[in-house]
Amino acid sequence: METTESGRRWAPGTATGIGELPDLPHLPELADRGVGADLIGRGAAFLVDLPVDLQPSGWRLVPRPGRDLRRAVDLLARDLDALEEAADGYVGPLKVQVAGPWTLASAVELHYGDKVVADPGAVRDLGQSLAEGVRRHVADVRRRVPGADVVLQVDEPSLPSVLSGRVPTASGFGTLAPVEKSTVEAGLREVLEAAEAFPAVHCCAARPPLDVLRAAGARALSVDSGLLGERDDETLGTAVEAGVALWVGVVPSVDTVLSDLAGSVAPVRRMWRRLGFDPAMLPESVVVTPTCGLAGASPAYARAALRRCREVGRVLREDPEG
C-alpha cells in the first residue's frame, strides 16, 4: 500500500494511475491479482443479468453467479473505493477502461462451449448487457469523483480476428465465420454511446480496423505505433481530419531497458511526417502512451514508462518538428 501526506492509503496501482500520469489519470486494471482481475474477468463483472464463471477452457456463461464472478465484482468494487480516496477533490479528465463487446464475445463461451460470437442472438444480449453495465459503472465513477470528466476506453484487441474470421472454434480445429463490419460497428457503438462519456477505443493488434472504430463513434484511437505502417496512413489521416485524437503507443508496455528519449520521440515524428500534416497540429492531435496496458510490467517499470510518456509529450509540445 502507499500513503499520502494526509494519511490515506490505497493500492499502489491506483496511486500510480492518479499520480504518475497527471494529464490523463486513470483507474488501472491490476491483472496479476488472479481470477477476475484479468481483462475478460473484469469485463464480465460489468455484465448485467448475464453471469459467467471460470471453466478449465475459460470464462463461460452460466445460469447463476458463482464464486469467480463474485471475486471479479469484489475486485472492481475495491478498486473503485481506492479510486475514490486517491482522487478525492480531483477535477479533470479521468479514464476508465473495459473490455469491448467483440473481445468479450470472442473469449466468453456459451453454455454449450462455443464462443458467444458464434451466436448472433447471444452477441446481441451480451452487447446490451455490457452497455448497461458500462453506463452504471461510469455513473458510479462520477458519483465517487464528482469533478471527473470521464473518458471511457473500450479495449478491443480481438476485433481484427472477429472481422477476419480468425476466432477459433471450441474444438480448436477450425475458426468461426467473420462478422460483418456493419454489425461490429453497431455493437461497438451501443457500448460507446451508453456511457455518455468521451469515447476512446484501444486496439493493440496489427491492422487495427480504424475506419470501423471511428464510424462506431470513437473520438480517440489508441494504437501501437510499432504495428502501424504506410498502409494505415489513409485511415489515420482521415481520422485526424475528422478531429479524432490519436493515442500513439511508443513506450514498451513490459519491463525493458528504455531507449533514449530521442528514440521514443522519433516514431511519432515519422508517423506525423508521413501523414503530411502541419507539425504545429501534432501536440493537439497526438497523445503519447505505452504500446499496450501495463498489467505485465513491474511497478517500478510502470512508473518509468508513464514518466517517459510525459517526457515525450513535453518534447513534442516544445519542438513538434524536430
Protein backbone atom coordinates (compact mmCIF):
# COMPACT_ATOMS: atom_id res chain seq x y z
CA MET A 1 0.00 0.00 0.00
CA GLU A 2 1.00 3.63 -0.45
CA THR A 3 0.28 6.52 1.91
CA THR A 4 -0.47 10.15 1.09
CA GLU A 5 0.55 13.15 3.18
CA SER A 6 -2.96 13.16 4.66
CA GLY A 7 -2.52 9.56 5.80
CA ARG A 8 -4.86 7.95 3.26
CA ARG A 9 -3.82 4.55 1.97
CA TRP A 10 -4.62 2.93 -1.36
CA ALA A 11 -3.48 0.26 -3.76
CA PRO A 12 -0.16 1.15 -5.47
CA GLY A 13 -1.67 0.75 -8.94
CA THR A 14 -4.33 3.34 -8.22
CA ALA A 15 -1.79 5.73 -6.76
CA THR A 16 0.32 5.36 -9.90
CA GLY A 17 -2.69 5.85 -12.17
CA ILE A 18 -3.62 9.08 -10.40
CA GLY A 19 -0.19 10.46 -9.55
CA GLU A 20 2.15 9.41 -12.35
CA LEU A 21 0.03 10.45 -15.31
CA PRO A 22 -1.31 13.91 -14.43
CA ASP A 23 -2.51 14.65 -17.95
CA LEU A 24 -4.85 11.64 -18.00
CA PRO A 25 -5.30 9.95 -14.60
CA HIS A 26 -6.94 6.55 -14.81
CA LEU A 27 -8.37 3.62 -12.91
CA PRO A 28 -5.82 0.85 -13.54
CA GLU A 29 -6.51 -2.83 -14.13
CA LEU A 30 -4.20 -4.88 -11.90
CA ALA A 31 -4.36 -8.23 -13.65
CA ASP A 32 -1.71 -10.04 -11.59
CA ARG A 33 -4.17 -10.43 -8.71
CA GLY A 34 -5.55 -13.54 -10.40
CA VAL A 35 -9.03 -14.70 -11.31
CA GLY A 36 -11.41 -11.85 -12.02
CA ALA A 37 -8.69 -9.22 -12.38
CA ASP A 38 -7.82 -10.19 -15.97
CA LEU A 39 -9.22 -8.33 -18.96
CA ILE A 40 -12.03 -10.81 -19.63
CA GLY A 41 -12.85 -11.45 -15.99
CA ARG A 42 -13.14 -7.76 -15.24
CA GLY A 43 -15.17 -7.24 -18.40
CA ALA A 44 -17.53 -9.98 -17.24
CA ALA A 45 -18.01 -8.11 -13.97
CA PHE A 46 -19.75 -5.34 -15.92
CA LEU A 47 -22.35 -7.65 -17.46
CA VAL A 48 -25.86 -7.13 -16.11
CA ASP A 49 -28.07 -10.22 -15.61
CA LEU A 50 -25.65 -12.31 -17.65
CA PRO A 51 -23.50 -14.27 -15.16
CA VAL A 52 -20.29 -16.04 -16.10
CA ASP A 53 -17.98 -18.50 -14.36
CA LEU A 54 -14.44 -19.65 -14.98
CA GLN A 55 -14.14 -23.11 -16.52
CA PRO A 56 -10.95 -25.00 -17.48
CA SER A 57 -11.36 -23.66 -21.01
CA GLY A 58 -12.05 -20.07 -19.93
CA TRP A 59 -14.94 -17.83 -18.93
CA ARG A 60 -18.40 -19.22 -19.74
CA LEU A 61 -22.00 -18.03 -19.47
CA VAL A 62 -23.78 -19.83 -16.62
CA PRO A 63 -27.32 -19.85 -15.17
CA ARG A 64 -26.39 -18.16 -11.88
CA PRO A 65 -23.47 -16.20 -10.40
CA GLY A 66 -20.70 -18.20 -8.77
CA ARG A 67 -17.53 -17.65 -6.78
CA ASP A 68 -15.43 -16.45 -9.71
CA LEU A 69 -17.85 -13.73 -10.73
CA ARG A 70 -18.26 -12.61 -7.12
CA ARG A 71 -14.48 -12.28 -6.90
CA ALA A 72 -14.35 -10.18 -10.10
CA VAL A 73 -17.11 -7.90 -8.83
CA ASP A 74 -15.39 -7.59 -5.43
CA LEU A 75 -12.06 -6.65 -7.01
CA LEU A 76 -13.75 -3.95 -9.08
CA ALA A 77 -15.51 -2.59 -6.00
CA ARG A 78 -12.21 -2.43 -4.10
CA ASP A 79 -10.56 -0.58 -6.96
CA LEU A 80 -13.38 1.94 -7.05
CA ASP A 81 -13.05 2.50 -3.30
CA ALA A 82 -9.32 3.11 -3.78
CA LEU A 83 -10.02 5.48 -6.66
CA GLU A 84 -12.48 7.45 -4.56
CA GLU A 85 -9.79 8.02 -1.92
CA ALA A 86 -6.92 8.66 -4.31
CA ALA A 87 -8.91 11.13 -6.42
CA ASP A 88 -10.54 13.00 -3.56
CA GLY A 89 -11.02 16.58 -4.74
CA TYR A 90 -9.73 15.85 -8.23
CA VAL A 91 -11.16 17.85 -11.13
CA GLY A 92 -10.40 16.97 -14.76
CA PRO A 93 -10.30 14.03 -17.17
CA LEU A 94 -10.34 10.56 -15.65
CA LYS A 95 -10.01 7.44 -17.79
CA VAL A 96 -11.72 4.12 -17.12
CA GLN A 97 -11.47 1.11 -19.40
CA VAL A 98 -13.46 -2.00 -20.16
CA ALA A 99 -13.12 -4.97 -22.48
CA GLY A 100 -15.15 -4.28 -25.63
CA PRO A 101 -18.18 -6.30 -26.70
CA TRP A 102 -16.36 -8.11 -29.52
CA THR A 103 -13.32 -9.01 -27.45
CA LEU A 104 -15.66 -10.39 -24.78
CA ALA A 105 -17.78 -12.21 -27.36
CA SER A 106 -14.68 -13.84 -28.85
CA ALA A 107 -13.44 -15.03 -25.43
CA VAL A 108 -16.52 -15.89 -23.36
CA GLU A 109 -18.13 -19.27 -24.09
CA LEU A 110 -21.78 -20.14 -24.49
CA HIS A 111 -23.36 -22.74 -22.21
CA TYR A 112 -22.55 -25.49 -24.71
CA GLY A 113 -18.92 -24.46 -25.18
CA ASP A 114 -18.52 -22.41 -28.38
CA LYS A 115 -17.77 -18.69 -28.26
CA VAL A 116 -20.54 -16.13 -27.87
CA VAL A 117 -19.50 -14.58 -31.20
CA ALA A 118 -20.80 -17.75 -32.92
CA ASP A 119 -24.42 -16.91 -31.93
CA PRO A 120 -25.86 -13.57 -33.17
CA GLY A 121 -28.59 -13.64 -30.52
CA ALA A 122 -26.07 -14.19 -27.74
CA VAL A 123 -23.88 -11.43 -29.15
CA ARG A 124 -26.83 -9.06 -29.04
CA ASP A 125 -27.64 -10.00 -25.42
CA LEU A 126 -24.02 -9.61 -24.35
CA GLY A 127 -23.70 -6.21 -26.04
CA GLN A 128 -26.85 -4.89 -24.39
CA SER A 129 -25.78 -6.26 -21.01
CA LEU A 130 -22.32 -4.73 -21.30
CA ALA A 131 -23.73 -1.37 -22.41
CA GLU A 132 -25.95 -1.22 -19.33
CA GLY A 133 -23.08 -2.27 -17.07
CA VAL A 134 -20.77 0.37 -18.53
CA ARG A 135 -23.49 3.00 -18.10
CA ARG A 136 -23.80 2.10 -14.42
CA HIS A 137 -20.03 1.99 -13.96
CA VAL A 138 -19.46 5.45 -15.40
CA ALA A 139 -22.32 6.84 -13.29
CA ASP A 140 -20.70 5.30 -10.20
CA VAL A 141 -17.33 6.85 -11.06
CA ARG A 142 -18.98 10.25 -11.48
CA ARG A 143 -20.68 9.85 -8.12
CA ARG A 144 -17.42 8.93 -6.40
CA VAL A 145 -15.33 11.59 -8.17
CA PRO A 146 -17.75 14.45 -8.85
CA GLY A 147 -15.12 16.56 -10.59
CA ALA A 148 -14.23 13.85 -13.11
CA ASP A 149 -14.72 14.34 -16.82
CA VAL A 150 -14.90 10.62 -17.61
CA VAL A 151 -13.07 9.15 -20.58
CA LEU A 152 -14.22 5.64 -21.50
CA GLN A 153 -11.61 3.45 -23.18
CA VAL A 154 -13.04 0.31 -24.76
CA ASP A 155 -10.35 -2.34 -25.30
CA GLU A 156 -10.80 -4.38 -28.47
CA PRO A 157 -7.59 -6.36 -29.07
CA SER A 158 -9.55 -9.26 -30.63
CA LEU A 159 -11.53 -7.15 -33.08
CA PRO A 160 -9.32 -7.84 -36.14
CA SER A 161 -9.76 -11.58 -35.54
CA VAL A 162 -13.53 -11.18 -35.31
CA LEU A 163 -13.65 -9.27 -38.60
CA SER A 164 -11.34 -11.64 -40.46
CA GLY A 165 -12.79 -14.92 -39.19
CA ARG A 166 -9.80 -15.99 -37.09
CA VAL A 167 -11.58 -16.71 -33.80
CA PRO A 168 -11.05 -20.45 -33.11
CA THR A 169 -13.96 -22.82 -32.61
CA ALA A 170 -14.40 -24.72 -29.34
CA SER A 171 -12.54 -27.71 -30.78
CA GLY A 172 -9.64 -25.58 -31.92
CA PHE A 173 -9.63 -27.28 -35.32
CA GLY A 174 -11.50 -24.52 -37.15
CA THR A 175 -12.43 -20.88 -37.00
CA LEU A 176 -15.73 -19.07 -36.67
CA ALA A 177 -17.23 -17.11 -39.54
CA PRO A 178 -16.20 -13.45 -39.83
CA VAL A 179 -18.62 -10.81 -38.60
CA GLU A 180 -19.66 -8.06 -40.99
CA LYS A 181 -18.29 -4.59 -40.43
CA SER A 182 -21.73 -3.05 -40.09
CA THR A 183 -22.63 -5.49 -37.31
CA VAL A 184 -19.34 -4.87 -35.49
CA GLU A 185 -19.79 -1.13 -35.82
CA ALA A 186 -23.33 -1.23 -34.41
CA GLY A 187 -22.35 -3.38 -31.44
CA LEU A 188 -19.41 -1.19 -30.53
CA ARG A 189 -21.43 2.00 -30.94
CA GLU A 190 -24.04 0.72 -28.47
CA VAL A 191 -21.42 0.44 -25.72
CA LEU A 192 -19.66 3.71 -26.55
CA GLU A 193 -22.90 5.67 -26.51
CA ALA A 194 -24.31 4.11 -23.35
CA ALA A 195 -21.80 5.76 -21.03
CA GLU A 196 -22.26 9.32 -22.32
CA ALA A 197 -18.52 9.82 -21.74
CA PHE A 198 -15.66 10.76 -24.05
CA PRO A 199 -15.32 7.59 -26.18
CA ALA A 200 -11.93 6.04 -26.98
CA VAL A 201 -11.11 2.62 -28.43
CA HIS A 202 -7.85 0.76 -27.96
CA CYS A 203 -6.71 -1.95 -30.38
CA CYS A 204 -3.13 -3.16 -29.98
CA ALA A 205 -3.33 -5.76 -32.77
CA ALA A 206 -1.80 -5.45 -36.21
CA ARG A 207 -4.03 -3.84 -38.87
CA PRO A 208 -6.48 -2.26 -36.40
CA PRO A 209 -9.80 -1.52 -38.16
CA LEU A 210 -9.52 2.23 -37.63
CA ASP A 211 -12.35 3.03 -40.03
CA VAL A 212 -14.75 0.81 -38.10
CA LEU A 213 -13.70 2.26 -34.75
CA ARG A 214 -14.18 5.81 -35.96
CA ALA A 215 -17.53 5.01 -37.60
CA ALA A 216 -18.70 3.50 -34.30
CA GLY A 217 -18.16 6.85 -32.60
CA ALA A 218 -14.63 6.71 -31.19
CA ARG A 219 -13.20 10.19 -30.69
CA ALA A 220 -9.77 8.80 -29.81
CA LEU A 221 -7.98 5.85 -31.39
CA SER A 222 -5.37 4.09 -29.25
CA VAL A 223 -2.86 2.06 -31.26
CA ASP A 224 0.65 0.57 -31.09
CA SER A 225 2.91 2.66 -33.35
CA GLY A 226 5.13 -0.37 -33.97
CA LEU A 227 2.24 -2.18 -35.66
CA LEU A 228 1.28 0.73 -37.91
CA GLY A 229 2.67 1.19 -41.39
CA GLU A 230 2.11 3.19 -44.52
CA ARG A 231 -0.91 1.01 -45.28
CA ASP A 232 -2.65 2.65 -42.29
CA ASP A 233 -1.82 6.24 -43.24
CA GLU A 234 -5.01 6.92 -45.17
CA THR A 235 -7.33 5.91 -42.33
CA LEU A 236 -5.12 7.68 -39.79
CA GLY A 237 -5.15 10.85 -41.88
CA THR A 238 -8.91 10.69 -42.34
CA ALA A 239 -9.34 10.34 -38.58
CA VAL A 240 -7.14 13.36 -37.86
CA GLU A 241 -9.03 15.45 -40.41
CA ALA A 242 -12.26 14.48 -38.66
CA GLY A 243 -10.91 15.73 -35.34
CA VAL A 244 -10.26 12.29 -33.84
CA ALA A 245 -7.31 12.14 -31.42
CA LEU A 246 -4.54 9.58 -31.91
CA TRP A 247 -3.23 7.87 -28.79
CA VAL A 248 0.04 6.54 -30.11
CA GLY A 249 1.81 3.77 -28.20
CA VAL A 250 5.57 4.25 -28.38
CA VAL A 251 6.82 3.19 -24.94
CA PRO A 252 7.12 -0.61 -24.41
CA SER A 253 4.50 -1.95 -22.01
CA VAL A 254 6.66 -4.69 -20.43
CA ASP A 255 9.88 -4.38 -18.48
CA THR A 256 12.80 -3.50 -20.72
CA VAL A 257 15.65 -1.04 -20.94
CA LEU A 258 14.09 2.09 -22.36
CA SER A 259 15.80 3.69 -25.33
CA ASP A 260 16.98 7.25 -25.02
CA LEU A 261 14.36 9.97 -25.16
CA ALA A 262 15.09 10.75 -28.81
CA GLY A 263 14.39 7.13 -29.71
CA SER A 264 10.92 7.39 -28.13
CA VAL A 265 10.14 10.67 -29.86
CA ALA A 266 11.24 9.61 -33.35
CA PRO A 267 8.37 7.18 -34.19
CA VAL A 268 5.76 9.87 -33.52
CA ARG A 269 7.50 12.43 -35.69
CA ARG A 270 7.99 9.88 -38.51
CA MET A 271 4.31 8.97 -38.46
CA TRP A 272 3.25 12.63 -38.49
CA ARG A 273 5.55 13.42 -41.40
CA ARG A 274 4.09 10.51 -43.38
CA LEU A 275 0.60 11.85 -42.79
CA GLY A 276 1.68 15.23 -44.15
CA PHE A 277 0.01 17.48 -41.58
CA ASP A 278 1.36 20.74 -40.23
CA PRO A 279 3.81 19.93 -37.37
CA ALA A 280 2.08 22.57 -35.25
CA MET A 281 -1.01 20.32 -35.18
CA LEU A 282 0.86 17.39 -33.65
CA PRO A 283 0.66 18.34 -29.94
CA GLU A 284 -3.10 18.85 -30.18
CA SER A 285 -3.78 15.68 -32.17
CA VAL A 286 -1.49 13.07 -30.59
CA VAL A 287 -1.28 11.65 -27.07
CA VAL A 288 1.77 9.51 -26.28
CA THR A 289 1.04 6.24 -24.44
CA PRO A 290 2.58 2.84 -23.70
CA THR A 291 2.14 0.37 -26.56
CA CYS A 292 -0.46 -1.57 -24.55
CA GLY A 293 -1.58 -1.99 -20.95
CA LEU A 294 0.99 -2.18 -18.19
CA ALA A 295 -0.51 -5.21 -16.45
CA GLY A 296 2.60 -7.27 -17.21
CA ALA A 297 5.05 -4.65 -16.01
CA SER A 298 6.65 -4.30 -12.60
CA PRO A 299 5.51 -1.29 -10.52
CA ALA A 300 8.91 0.37 -10.97
CA TYR A 301 8.85 -0.06 -14.74
CA ALA A 302 5.22 1.09 -14.96
CA ARG A 303 6.21 4.34 -13.28
CA ALA A 304 9.22 4.72 -15.57
CA ALA A 305 7.06 4.08 -18.67
CA LEU A 306 4.49 6.67 -17.64
CA ARG A 307 7.24 9.19 -16.91
CA ARG A 308 8.70 8.53 -20.35
CA CYS A 309 5.28 9.18 -21.94
CA ARG A 310 5.16 12.56 -20.21
CA GLU A 311 8.71 13.37 -21.31
CA VAL A 312 7.95 12.50 -24.95
CA GLY A 313 4.79 14.57 -24.83
CA ARG A 314 6.72 17.54 -23.46
CA VAL A 315 9.35 17.31 -26.22
CA LEU A 316 6.67 17.14 -28.91
CA ARG A 317 4.89 20.16 -27.48
CA GLU A 318 8.10 22.19 -27.37
CA ASP A 319 9.52 21.03 -30.71
CA PRO A 320 7.00 19.04 -32.80
CA GLU A 321 9.01 19.18 -35.99
CA GLY A 322 12.42 18.31 -34.58
